Amino acid sequence: MVAKTAPSRLQAELARRILRALKEEKAQAGHRLVELDLCAAFNVSRTPVRGALQLLAADGVIAPREGRGYVLTRAVQAVPDDAQEDEEDDRLFAALASARADGNLPDQFTQQEIMRRFDARLPAVMRVLRLLAELGLVERRPGNGWAFISDGARVLHESYAFRRALEPQMLLQPAFKLDRAWSEKSRAAHEKLRRKPWRPGDGADFHAINADFHEQLARCCGNRAMLQAVRHQNQLRDFLSGQWDYPVDQVHSAIDDHLEILAALEAGYADKAAALMLHHLTTSASQSQKDSPAQ
């Protein structure tokens, strides 16, 4: 059996536009939707229209009718906006990460199982699974099946190899300009966490500070592709972080590294900061081979 492809962003956006148009028309149950009419209305080809209709059908908003096309199953009361979808996706992403960390999510599963267990709509399930596939954490199986990639250590190893190539270079970009206000806030947050007694749950605080540190430096570099790549790596670590227990000595070491990098950048020594970043990521990659990586 040939595996189906996940819906594209264009298809998801088009599905929202179709819903919005149906709501504005005050279309009622039984309203017919025809692919060619929608192509003309939204100036797109049949492929994204077909994908958008399949999304709406999977969500129960429309249903195939005898012959060809679809019919509306109920009047459209509300159209989810981007913020609602982001919140829905974030909730499901966090729930899957937590379940996986607790050993409550099997290696193999189906879309329908995720929908039932986490009370999620199919479009959200498909968006999150597509993201996890892009992160290299899951892969398609025939039909509606999915599977986690068993070699998680390799995924993390490849992530560090990529970051060692990327993050020192972003500090050397001609357009790099340190955000001084952010730098001061980040330094204060690092120092506060460094001073406080370590308690259960503080690992989440460190993870948030750590993710912000790397993303904001990427933002300072002025290169959108580099920023997107760092965000991608942060998402990977967001999913995996629930599986880690951060030893305090490794956290303190990572904080000290971050503070050294900030000091070098504040002093205008980009080359030194890049070398420190490479050392920091190399050390963290070595620690990641243990049971509890700290960075």
Protein backbone atom coordinates (compact mmCIF):
# COMPACT_ATOMS: atom_id res chain seq x y z
CA MET A 1 0.00 0.00 0.00
CA VAL A 2 1.31 3.47 -0.85
CA ALA A 3 1.59 5.84 2.13
CA LYS A 4 -0.49 8.97 1.98
CA THR A 5 1.29 12.31 2.20
CA ALA A 6 0.61 14.79 4.97
CA PRO A 7 -1.33 17.93 4.06
CA SER A 8 0.72 20.94 3.05
CA ARG A 9 0.48 24.38 4.61
CA LEU A 10 -1.16 25.58 1.39
CA GLN A 11 -3.87 22.94 1.74
CA ALA A 12 -4.46 23.81 5.41
CA GLU A 13 -4.69 27.53 4.62
CA LEU A 14 -7.00 26.86 1.68
CA ALA A 15 -9.26 24.76 3.91
CA ARG A 16 -9.59 27.76 6.24
CA ARG A 17 -10.38 30.05 3.29
CA ILE A 18 -13.09 27.68 2.06
CA LEU A 19 -14.61 27.55 5.54
CA ARG A 20 -14.50 31.33 5.78
CA ALA A 21 -16.26 31.69 2.41
CA LEU A 22 -18.94 29.19 3.41
CA LYS A 23 -19.53 31.04 6.67
CA GLU A 24 -19.81 34.38 4.86
CA GLU A 25 -22.29 32.83 2.41
CA LYS A 26 -24.28 31.44 5.36
CA ALA A 27 -24.18 28.11 3.52
CA GLN A 28 -26.37 25.43 5.07
CA ALA A 29 -26.08 21.66 5.33
CA GLY A 30 -26.36 20.09 1.89
CA HIS A 31 -24.54 22.93 0.12
CA ARG A 32 -22.54 21.46 -2.79
CA LEU A 33 -18.81 22.07 -3.23
CA VAL A 34 -17.30 21.53 -6.66
CA GLU A 35 -13.54 21.39 -7.22
CA LEU A 36 -13.52 23.44 -10.44
CA ASP A 37 -15.65 26.18 -8.89
CA LEU A 38 -13.28 26.40 -5.92
CA CYS A 39 -10.24 26.50 -8.23
CA ALA A 40 -11.73 29.49 -10.00
CA ALA A 41 -12.82 31.21 -6.79
CA PHE A 42 -9.41 30.95 -5.11
CA ASN A 43 -7.22 30.99 -8.23
CA VAL A 44 -5.43 27.75 -7.40
CA SER A 45 -4.98 24.40 -9.10
CA ARG A 46 -7.02 21.27 -8.39
CA THR A 47 -4.34 19.57 -6.28
CA PRO A 48 -4.42 21.95 -3.29
CA VAL A 49 -8.22 22.23 -3.56
CA ARG A 50 -8.54 18.45 -3.47
CA GLY A 51 -6.22 18.30 -0.46
CA ALA A 52 -8.16 21.04 1.34
CA LEU A 53 -11.46 19.25 0.72
CA GLN A 54 -10.00 16.01 2.04
CA LEU A 55 -8.96 17.83 5.20
CA LEU A 56 -12.45 19.24 5.68
CA ALA A 57 -13.97 15.82 5.00
CA ALA A 58 -11.67 14.19 7.54
CA ASP A 59 -12.82 16.76 10.08
CA GLY A 60 -16.49 15.98 9.33
CA VAL A 61 -17.34 19.44 7.99
CA ILE A 62 -18.12 18.11 4.51
CA ALA A 63 -18.91 14.66 3.14
CA PRO A 64 -18.52 13.06 -0.30
CA ARG A 65 -21.75 13.03 -2.29
CA GLU A 66 -22.90 10.45 -4.77
CA GLY A 67 -21.20 10.97 -8.09
CA ARG A 68 -18.60 13.69 -7.57
CA GLY A 69 -17.84 16.51 -5.19
CA TYR A 70 -18.78 17.15 -1.60
CA VAL A 71 -21.68 18.53 0.43
CA LEU A 72 -21.61 20.59 3.59
CA THR A 73 -22.69 18.52 6.59
CA ARG A 74 -23.50 21.49 8.81
CA ALA A 75 -23.51 25.26 8.75
CA VAL A 76 -20.09 26.76 9.53
CA GLN A 77 -20.27 28.49 12.91
CA ALA A 78 -16.61 29.44 13.37
CA VAL A 79 -13.37 29.36 11.41
CA PRO A 80 -10.19 28.60 13.36
CA ASP A 81 -7.56 31.29 12.86
CA ASP A 82 -3.80 30.83 12.88
CA ALA A 83 -3.55 31.58 16.61
CA GLN A 84 -6.16 28.93 17.43
CA GLU A 85 -4.41 26.39 15.27
CA ASP A 86 -1.04 27.20 16.84
CA GLU A 87 -2.50 26.73 20.33
CA GLU A 88 -4.10 23.44 19.27
CA ASP A 89 -0.86 22.22 17.73
CA ASP A 90 1.22 23.27 20.76
CA ARG A 91 -1.13 21.42 23.11
CA LEU A 92 -0.93 18.22 21.07
CA PHE A 93 2.85 18.50 20.60
CA ALA A 94 3.34 18.83 24.37
CA ALA A 95 0.93 15.97 25.10
CA LEU A 96 2.73 13.63 22.69
CA ALA A 97 6.12 14.62 24.10
CA SER A 98 4.94 13.97 27.67
CA ALA A 99 3.37 10.64 26.78
CA ARG A 100 6.49 9.55 24.94
CA ALA A 101 8.74 10.60 27.83
CA ASP A 102 6.59 8.64 30.30
CA GLY A 103 6.71 5.53 28.11
CA ASN A 104 2.97 5.76 27.43
CA LEU A 105 3.18 6.22 23.68
CA PRO A 106 4.14 3.10 21.70
CA ASP A 107 6.69 3.03 18.92
CA GLN A 108 3.94 2.48 16.33
CA PHE A 109 0.53 4.16 16.22
CA THR A 110 -2.13 5.46 13.85
CA GLN A 111 -3.60 8.90 13.29
CA GLN A 112 -6.96 7.69 14.58
CA GLU A 113 -5.39 6.46 17.82
CA ILE A 114 -3.81 9.87 18.41
CA MET A 115 -7.15 11.58 17.68
CA ARG A 116 -9.03 9.40 20.17
CA ARG A 117 -6.46 9.37 22.92
CA PHE A 118 -5.62 13.09 22.88
CA ASP A 119 -9.03 14.39 21.81
CA ALA A 120 -7.48 16.05 18.75
CA ARG A 121 -8.85 16.92 15.33
CA LEU A 122 -7.31 15.22 12.31
CA PRO A 123 -5.89 18.45 10.77
CA ALA A 124 -4.01 19.17 14.01
CA VAL A 125 -2.78 15.57 14.22
CA MET A 126 -1.51 15.74 10.66
CA ARG A 127 0.23 19.08 11.20
CA VAL A 128 2.00 17.86 14.33
CA LEU A 129 2.98 14.53 12.79
CA ARG A 130 4.32 16.36 9.74
CA LEU A 131 6.44 18.53 12.07
CA LEU A 132 7.73 15.47 13.95
CA ALA A 133 8.61 13.87 10.60
CA GLU A 134 10.51 17.03 9.58
CA LEU A 135 12.37 16.83 12.90
CA GLY A 136 13.39 13.26 12.10
CA LEU A 137 11.47 11.77 15.03
CA VAL A 138 8.73 9.82 13.25
CA GLU A 139 8.21 8.29 9.85
CA ARG A 140 5.25 7.17 7.75
CA ARG A 141 4.19 3.56 7.55
CA PRO A 142 1.76 2.14 4.98
CA GLY A 143 -1.79 3.41 5.35
CA ASN A 144 -2.44 5.65 8.35
CA GLY A 145 0.39 4.16 10.40
CA TRP A 146 3.29 6.08 11.92
CA ALA A 147 6.35 4.98 13.86
CA PHE A 148 8.91 6.69 16.03
CA ILE A 149 12.41 6.36 14.69
CA SER A 150 14.04 3.97 17.13
CA ASP A 151 17.56 5.40 16.91
CA GLY A 152 16.97 8.50 19.01
CA ALA A 153 20.66 8.70 19.89
CA ARG A 154 21.51 9.09 16.23
CA VAL A 155 18.90 11.84 15.81
CA LEU A 156 20.48 13.77 18.68
CA HIS A 157 24.02 13.11 17.41
CA GLU A 158 23.11 14.45 13.97
CA SER A 159 21.44 17.46 15.58
CA TYR A 160 24.61 18.37 17.44
CA ALA A 161 26.74 17.87 14.33
CA PHE A 162 24.46 20.27 12.45
CA ARG A 163 24.45 22.82 15.26
CA ARG A 164 28.26 22.78 15.51
CA ALA A 165 28.38 23.69 11.83
CA LEU A 166 25.65 26.32 12.11
CA GLU A 167 25.72 28.21 15.38
CA PRO A 168 29.35 29.39 15.53
CA GLN A 169 28.98 30.67 11.95
CA MET A 170 25.87 32.69 12.72
CA LEU A 171 27.90 34.71 15.26
CA LEU A 172 30.30 35.63 12.44
CA GLN A 173 27.67 36.91 10.02
CA PRO A 174 28.35 40.45 8.73
CA ALA A 175 24.82 41.47 9.72
CA PHE A 176 25.16 40.17 13.29
CA LYS A 177 24.11 42.82 15.80
CA LEU A 178 23.75 41.93 19.46
CA ASP A 179 20.47 42.97 21.05
CA ARG A 180 21.86 44.63 24.17
CA ALA A 181 18.53 44.80 25.98
CA TRP A 182 17.94 41.08 25.46
CA SER A 183 21.55 40.29 26.41
CA GLU A 184 21.16 42.01 29.78
CA LYS A 185 17.89 40.19 30.50
CA SER A 186 19.35 36.85 29.45
CA ARG A 187 22.44 37.36 31.61
CA ALA A 188 20.25 38.17 34.63
CA ALA A 189 18.07 35.08 34.05
CA HIS A 190 21.13 32.83 33.73
CA GLU A 191 22.75 34.24 36.87
CA LYS A 192 19.53 33.90 38.88
CA LEU A 193 19.19 30.22 37.93
CA ARG A 194 22.92 29.70 38.62
CA ARG A 195 22.57 31.02 42.19
CA LYS A 196 19.35 29.31 43.27
CA PRO A 197 19.29 25.89 45.01
CA TRP A 198 18.49 23.21 42.45
CA ARG A 199 15.03 21.69 42.86
CA PRO A 200 12.93 19.18 40.90
CA GLY A 201 11.34 20.98 37.98
CA ASP A 202 14.14 23.51 37.57
CA GLY A 203 15.23 21.61 34.46
CA ALA A 204 12.23 23.11 32.65
CA ASP A 205 13.40 26.62 33.58
CA PHE A 206 16.86 25.86 32.25
CA HIS A 207 15.45 24.39 29.05
CA ALA A 208 13.42 27.59 28.43
CA ILE A 209 16.42 29.87 29.09
CA ASN A 210 18.62 27.67 26.92
CA ALA A 211 16.19 27.67 23.97
CA ASP A 212 15.77 31.44 24.19
CA PHE A 213 19.56 31.93 24.29
CA HIS A 214 20.19 30.06 21.06
CA GLU A 215 17.15 31.42 19.21
CA GLN A 216 17.81 35.05 20.12
CA LEU A 217 21.44 34.80 18.99
CA ALA A 218 20.14 33.41 15.71
CA ARG A 219 17.75 36.35 15.46
CA CYS A 220 20.66 38.74 16.03
CA CYS A 221 22.57 37.27 13.08
CA GLY A 222 20.14 38.76 10.58
CA ASN A 223 19.91 35.57 8.51
CA ARG A 224 16.36 34.22 8.32
CA ALA A 225 17.44 30.77 7.12
CA MET A 226 19.76 30.39 10.12
CA LEU A 227 17.02 31.58 12.48
CA GLN A 228 14.58 29.05 11.05
CA ALA A 229 17.15 26.27 11.39
CA VAL A 230 17.78 27.09 15.06
CA ARG A 231 14.04 27.17 15.74
CA HIS A 232 13.80 23.75 14.09
CA GLN A 233 16.49 22.38 16.41
CA ASN A 234 14.79 23.92 19.44
CA GLN A 235 11.56 22.17 18.49
CA LEU A 236 13.45 18.88 18.33
CA ARG A 237 14.79 19.48 21.82
CA ASP A 238 11.37 20.61 23.06
CA PHE A 239 10.03 17.16 22.22
CA LEU A 240 12.97 15.31 23.74
CA SER A 241 13.44 17.45 26.86
CA GLY A 242 10.83 15.61 28.90
CA GLN A 243 12.99 12.48 28.64
CA TRP A 244 15.96 14.15 30.33
CA ASP A 245 16.90 14.80 33.93
CA TYR A 246 19.35 17.70 34.08
CA PRO A 247 22.20 17.18 36.60
CA VAL A 248 22.98 20.45 38.33
CA ASP A 249 26.70 20.35 37.53
CA GLN A 250 25.99 20.09 33.80
CA VAL A 251 23.44 22.88 34.01
CA HIS A 252 25.93 25.15 35.79
CA SER A 253 28.56 24.32 33.18
CA ALA A 254 26.16 25.19 30.36
CA ILE A 255 25.17 28.45 32.08
CA ASP A 256 28.83 29.40 32.50
CA ASP A 257 29.41 28.72 28.79
CA HIS A 258 26.45 30.92 27.84
CA LEU A 259 27.69 33.76 30.04
CA GLU A 260 31.17 33.56 28.48
CA ILE A 261 29.67 33.73 24.99
CA LEU A 262 27.59 36.76 25.93
CA ALA A 263 30.62 38.50 27.46
CA ALA A 264 32.64 37.97 24.28
CA LEU A 265 29.82 39.30 22.11
CA GLU A 266 29.27 42.30 24.39
CA ALA A 267 33.00 43.10 24.10
CA GLY A 268 32.83 42.86 20.30
CA TYR A 269 34.92 39.68 20.00
CA ALA A 270 32.87 37.68 17.51
CA ASP A 271 35.70 35.24 16.72
CA LYS A 272 36.13 34.41 20.40
CA ALA A 273 32.35 33.99 20.81
CA ALA A 274 32.23 31.62 17.84
CA ALA A 275 35.08 29.53 19.27
CA LEU A 276 33.34 29.42 22.64
CA MET A 277 30.10 28.34 20.99
CA LEU A 278 31.87 25.51 19.16
CA HIS A 279 33.48 24.35 22.40
CA HIS A 280 30.15 24.60 24.21
CA LEU A 281 28.28 22.49 21.64
CA THR A 282 31.12 19.96 21.42
CA THR A 283 31.07 19.50 25.19
CA SER A 284 27.28 19.23 25.19
CA ALA A 285 27.39 16.65 22.40
CA SER A 286 29.77 14.56 24.49
CA GLN A 287 27.47 14.84 27.49
CA SER A 288 24.49 13.83 25.35
CA GLN A 289 26.02 10.38 24.99
CA LYS A 290 25.20 9.89 28.67
CA ASP A 291 21.73 9.30 30.05
CA SER A 292 21.14 12.93 31.01
CA PRO A 293 22.37 15.51 28.51
CA ALA A 294 22.52 19.02 29.94
CA GLN A 295 22.32 21.23 26.89
